[in-house]
């Protein structure tokens, strides 16, 4: 591809990515279970990419790495998992 063609492909991919993230955000605000799963998957992939950049390419982005950790901890809290229907207590199932 030429430089302009590569820029076009990159723009299309970033547009698709942005649209997907907006859809996940809308689902997250509506407290849908699938959006919690998608966001945790997204954060996990981002953490892997951050570590690859750190260890192999020596171009780490510490802000993204730190925000991924904060988001993962926030989504892993028991209360948040209960809100999104990821986790239920045994007592809730018996009553």
N, C-alpha and C. Protein backbone atom coordinates (compact mmCIF):
# COMPACT_ATOMS: atom_id res chain seq x y z
N UNK A 1 0.83 -1.19 0.00
CA UNK A 1 0.00 0.00 0.00
C UNK A 1 0.88 1.25 0.00
N UNK A 2 0.34 2.27 -0.62
CA UNK A 2 1.03 3.55 -0.57
C UNK A 2 0.78 4.18 0.80
N UNK A 3 1.43 5.29 1.04
CA UNK A 3 1.26 5.97 2.31
C UNK A 3 -0.18 6.46 2.49
N UNK A 4 -0.79 6.96 1.41
CA UNK A 4 -2.18 7.41 1.49
C UNK A 4 -3.12 6.23 1.70
N UNK A 5 -2.84 5.11 1.06
CA UNK A 5 -3.67 3.91 1.24
C UNK A 5 -3.59 3.38 2.66
N UNK A 6 -2.38 3.38 3.22
CA UNK A 6 -2.22 2.94 4.61
C UNK A 6 -2.95 3.87 5.57
N UNK A 7 -2.92 5.17 5.29
CA UNK A 7 -3.64 6.13 6.12
C UNK A 7 -5.14 5.89 6.03
N UNK A 8 -5.64 5.55 4.85
CA UNK A 8 -7.06 5.26 4.67
C UNK A 8 -7.47 4.02 5.44
N UNK A 9 -6.68 2.97 5.35
CA UNK A 9 -6.97 1.73 6.07
C UNK A 9 -6.95 1.99 7.57
N UNK A 10 -5.95 2.72 8.05
CA UNK A 10 -5.88 3.05 9.47
C UNK A 10 -7.10 3.85 9.91
N UNK A 11 -7.52 4.80 9.11
CA UNK A 11 -8.69 5.61 9.45
C UNK A 11 -9.96 4.78 9.52
N UNK A 12 -10.12 3.86 8.59
CA UNK A 12 -11.29 2.99 8.60
C UNK A 12 -11.29 2.09 9.84
N UNK A 13 -10.13 1.52 10.17
CA UNK A 13 -10.05 0.66 11.35
C UNK A 13 -10.33 1.44 12.63
N UNK A 14 -9.77 2.64 12.75
CA UNK A 14 -10.02 3.46 13.93
C UNK A 14 -11.48 3.89 14.01
N UNK A 15 -12.12 4.12 12.89
CA UNK A 15 -13.54 4.48 12.89
C UNK A 15 -14.39 3.32 13.36
N UNK A 16 -14.11 2.12 12.87
CA UNK A 16 -14.83 0.93 13.31
C UNK A 16 -14.61 0.70 14.80
N UNK A 17 -13.39 0.88 15.25
CA UNK A 17 -13.06 0.72 16.67
C UNK A 17 -13.83 1.73 17.52
N UNK A 18 -13.87 2.98 17.09
CA UNK A 18 -14.58 4.02 17.83
C UNK A 18 -16.08 3.74 17.90
N UNK A 19 -16.66 3.29 16.80
CA UNK A 19 -18.10 2.96 16.78
C UNK A 19 -18.38 1.79 17.73
N UNK A 20 -17.51 0.79 17.72
CA UNK A 20 -17.67 -0.34 18.63
C UNK A 20 -17.57 0.08 20.09
N UNK A 21 -16.65 0.97 20.38
CA UNK A 21 -16.51 1.45 21.76
C UNK A 21 -17.72 2.27 22.20
N UNK A 22 -18.29 3.04 21.30
CA UNK A 22 -19.49 3.80 21.64
C UNK A 22 -20.65 2.85 21.94
N UNK A 23 -20.78 1.78 21.16
CA UNK A 23 -21.82 0.78 21.40
C UNK A 23 -21.63 0.12 22.76
N UNK A 24 -20.39 -0.24 23.09
CA UNK A 24 -20.10 -0.83 24.40
C UNK A 24 -20.40 0.17 25.52
N UNK A 25 -20.06 1.43 25.31
CA UNK A 25 -20.34 2.45 26.32
C UNK A 25 -21.84 2.61 26.56
N UNK A 26 -22.62 2.60 25.50
CA UNK A 26 -24.08 2.69 25.65
C UNK A 26 -24.61 1.48 26.41
N UNK A 27 -24.13 0.30 26.08
CA UNK A 27 -24.52 -0.90 26.82
C UNK A 27 -24.09 -0.85 28.27
N UNK A 28 -22.90 -0.29 28.51
CA UNK A 28 -22.40 -0.17 29.88
C UNK A 28 -23.27 0.78 30.69
N UNK A 29 -23.67 1.89 30.09
CA UNK A 29 -24.53 2.83 30.79
C UNK A 29 -25.92 2.26 31.04
N UNK A 30 -26.35 1.32 30.21
CA UNK A 30 -27.63 0.65 30.40
C UNK A 30 -27.48 -0.59 31.28
N UNK A 31 -26.26 -0.82 31.77
CA UNK A 31 -25.92 -1.91 32.69
C UNK A 31 -26.23 -3.27 32.10
N UNK A 32 -25.79 -3.49 30.89
CA UNK A 32 -25.95 -4.79 30.22
C UNK A 32 -24.76 -5.68 30.56
N UNK A 33 -25.04 -6.95 30.76
CA UNK A 33 -23.98 -7.89 31.13
C UNK A 33 -22.92 -8.01 30.04
N UNK A 34 -23.33 -8.06 28.79
CA UNK A 34 -22.39 -8.22 27.68
C UNK A 34 -21.41 -7.05 27.61
N UNK A 35 -21.84 -5.86 28.02
CA UNK A 35 -20.93 -4.72 27.96
C UNK A 35 -19.83 -4.83 29.02
N UNK A 36 -20.17 -5.40 30.21
CA UNK A 36 -19.15 -5.63 31.23
C UNK A 36 -18.12 -6.62 30.72
N UNK A 37 -18.60 -7.69 30.09
CA UNK A 37 -17.69 -8.71 29.55
C UNK A 37 -16.81 -8.11 28.45
N UNK A 38 -17.42 -7.32 27.56
CA UNK A 38 -16.64 -6.71 26.47
C UNK A 38 -15.58 -5.74 27.02
N UNK A 39 -15.96 -4.94 28.03
CA UNK A 39 -15.01 -3.99 28.59
C UNK A 39 -13.86 -4.70 29.29
N UNK A 40 -14.16 -5.77 30.03
CA UNK A 40 -13.09 -6.53 30.69
C UNK A 40 -12.19 -7.19 29.64
N UNK A 41 -12.78 -7.69 28.56
CA UNK A 41 -11.98 -8.27 27.49
C UNK A 41 -11.09 -7.21 26.85
N UNK A 42 -11.68 -6.04 26.61
CA UNK A 42 -10.93 -4.93 26.03
C UNK A 42 -9.75 -4.54 26.92
N UNK A 43 -9.98 -4.44 28.22
CA UNK A 43 -8.92 -4.07 29.16
C UNK A 43 -7.85 -5.15 29.19
N UNK A 44 -8.26 -6.40 29.16
CA UNK A 44 -7.27 -7.49 29.15
C UNK A 44 -6.40 -7.46 27.91
N UNK A 45 -6.99 -7.24 26.76
CA UNK A 45 -6.21 -7.15 25.52
C UNK A 45 -5.28 -5.94 25.57
N UNK A 46 -5.79 -4.82 26.08
CA UNK A 46 -4.98 -3.62 26.19
C UNK A 46 -3.79 -3.83 27.13
N UNK A 47 -4.01 -4.59 28.21
CA UNK A 47 -2.91 -4.89 29.13
C UNK A 47 -1.84 -5.75 28.45
N UNK A 48 -2.28 -6.71 27.67
CA UNK A 48 -1.32 -7.56 26.95
C UNK A 48 -0.52 -6.73 25.95
N UNK A 49 -1.20 -5.86 25.20
CA UNK A 49 -0.51 -5.00 24.23
C UNK A 49 0.47 -4.08 24.94
N UNK A 50 0.06 -3.55 26.09
CA UNK A 50 0.96 -2.69 26.86
C UNK A 50 2.21 -3.40 27.32
N UNK A 51 2.04 -4.64 27.76
CA UNK A 51 3.22 -5.41 28.19
C UNK A 51 4.12 -5.78 27.02
N UNK A 52 3.52 -6.10 25.89
CA UNK A 52 4.33 -6.40 24.70
C UNK A 52 5.13 -5.16 24.29
N UNK A 53 4.47 -4.01 24.30
CA UNK A 53 5.18 -2.76 23.99
C UNK A 53 6.30 -2.51 24.99
N UNK A 54 6.06 -2.80 26.24
CA UNK A 54 7.07 -2.56 27.27
C UNK A 54 8.28 -3.49 27.12
N UNK A 55 8.03 -4.78 26.95
CA UNK A 55 9.12 -5.73 26.95
C UNK A 55 9.83 -5.88 25.60
N UNK A 56 9.10 -5.75 24.50
CA UNK A 56 9.71 -6.03 23.21
C UNK A 56 10.04 -4.79 22.39
N UNK A 57 9.22 -3.77 22.47
CA UNK A 57 9.43 -2.60 21.63
C UNK A 57 9.97 -1.40 22.40
N UNK A 58 10.02 -1.51 23.72
CA UNK A 58 10.56 -0.47 24.59
C UNK A 58 9.91 0.88 24.33
N UNK A 59 8.59 0.86 24.07
CA UNK A 59 7.82 2.09 23.87
C UNK A 59 6.56 2.03 24.72
N UNK A 60 6.70 1.91 26.04
CA UNK A 60 5.49 1.76 26.86
C UNK A 60 4.73 3.07 27.00
N UNK A 61 3.42 2.95 27.12
CA UNK A 61 2.56 4.09 27.41
C UNK A 61 2.05 3.88 28.82
N UNK A 62 2.69 4.52 29.78
CA UNK A 62 2.38 4.28 31.18
C UNK A 62 0.99 4.76 31.57
N UNK A 63 0.48 5.78 30.91
CA UNK A 63 -0.85 6.29 31.23
C UNK A 63 -1.91 5.23 30.89
N UNK A 64 -1.80 4.62 29.73
CA UNK A 64 -2.75 3.57 29.33
C UNK A 64 -2.60 2.36 30.23
N UNK A 65 -1.38 1.99 30.56
CA UNK A 65 -1.16 0.84 31.43
C UNK A 65 -1.78 1.08 32.80
N UNK A 66 -1.60 2.27 33.35
CA UNK A 66 -2.16 2.59 34.67
C UNK A 66 -3.69 2.64 34.62
N UNK A 67 -4.23 3.22 33.56
CA UNK A 67 -5.70 3.29 33.46
C UNK A 67 -6.31 1.90 33.29
N UNK A 68 -5.63 1.01 32.59
CA UNK A 68 -6.12 -0.36 32.46
C UNK A 68 -6.20 -1.06 33.82
N UNK A 69 -5.19 -0.84 34.65
CA UNK A 69 -5.19 -1.45 35.98
C UNK A 69 -6.34 -0.89 36.82
N UNK A 70 -6.55 0.41 36.77
CA UNK A 70 -7.63 1.03 37.54
C UNK A 70 -8.99 0.51 37.07
N UNK A 71 -9.19 0.43 35.76
CA UNK A 71 -10.46 -0.06 35.22
C UNK A 71 -10.68 -1.52 35.60
N UNK A 72 -9.63 -2.33 35.52
CA UNK A 72 -9.77 -3.75 35.88
C UNK A 72 -10.14 -3.90 37.35
N UNK A 73 -9.49 -3.13 38.23
CA UNK A 73 -9.84 -3.20 39.65
C UNK A 73 -11.26 -2.71 39.89
N UNK A 74 -11.67 -1.66 39.22
CA UNK A 74 -13.02 -1.12 39.40
C UNK A 74 -14.08 -2.12 38.95
N UNK A 75 -13.86 -2.77 37.81
CA UNK A 75 -14.84 -3.73 37.31
C UNK A 75 -14.84 -5.05 38.07
N UNK A 76 -13.76 -5.32 38.82
CA UNK A 76 -13.66 -6.57 39.56
C UNK A 76 -14.30 -6.52 40.93
N UNK A 77 -14.77 -5.36 41.36
CA UNK A 77 -15.39 -5.25 42.67
C UNK A 77 -16.69 -6.05 42.70
N UNK A 78 -16.96 -6.64 43.84
CA UNK A 78 -18.12 -7.50 43.99
C UNK A 78 -19.42 -6.74 43.70
N UNK A 79 -19.52 -5.52 44.19
CA UNK A 79 -20.75 -4.74 43.98
C UNK A 79 -21.00 -4.48 42.51
N UNK A 80 -19.95 -4.17 41.78
CA UNK A 80 -20.08 -3.90 40.35
C UNK A 80 -20.49 -5.18 39.62
N UNK A 81 -19.89 -6.29 39.99
CA UNK A 81 -20.26 -7.56 39.36
C UNK A 81 -21.69 -7.94 39.66
N UNK A 82 -22.18 -7.63 40.85
CA UNK A 82 -23.58 -7.92 41.17
C UNK A 82 -24.52 -7.04 40.35
N UNK A 83 -24.16 -5.77 40.18
CA UNK A 83 -25.01 -4.85 39.41
C UNK A 83 -25.17 -5.35 37.98
N UNK A 84 -24.08 -5.84 37.39
CA UNK A 84 -24.13 -6.30 36.00
C UNK A 84 -24.56 -7.76 35.86
N UNK A 85 -24.83 -8.43 36.97
CA UNK A 85 -25.30 -9.80 36.92
C UNK A 85 -24.21 -10.81 36.67
N UNK A 86 -22.97 -10.44 36.92
CA UNK A 86 -21.86 -11.36 36.73
C UNK A 86 -21.75 -12.32 37.90
N UNK A 87 -22.00 -11.81 39.10
CA UNK A 87 -21.85 -12.61 40.32
C UNK A 87 -23.15 -12.54 41.11
N UNK A 88 -23.55 -13.66 41.68
CA UNK A 88 -24.69 -13.71 42.58
C UNK A 88 -24.28 -14.45 43.84
N UNK A 89 -24.91 -14.09 44.93
CA UNK A 89 -24.65 -14.79 46.19
C UNK A 89 -25.54 -16.01 46.27
N UNK A 90 -25.07 -17.02 46.99
CA UNK A 90 -25.84 -18.24 47.16
C UNK A 90 -27.12 -17.92 47.93
N UNK A 91 -27.05 -17.01 48.90
CA UNK A 91 -28.23 -16.63 49.67
C UNK A 91 -29.30 -16.02 48.79
N UNK A 92 -28.92 -15.28 47.76
CA UNK A 92 -29.90 -14.69 46.86
C UNK A 92 -30.60 -15.78 46.03
N UNK A 93 -29.88 -16.83 45.70
CA UNK A 93 -30.46 -17.90 44.90
C UNK A 93 -31.45 -18.74 45.71
N UNK A 94 -31.19 -18.89 47.03
CA UNK A 94 -32.04 -19.72 47.87
C UNK A 94 -33.30 -19.01 48.31
N UNK A 95 -33.30 -17.69 48.33
CA UNK A 95 -34.50 -16.98 48.83
C UNK A 95 -35.48 -16.68 47.74
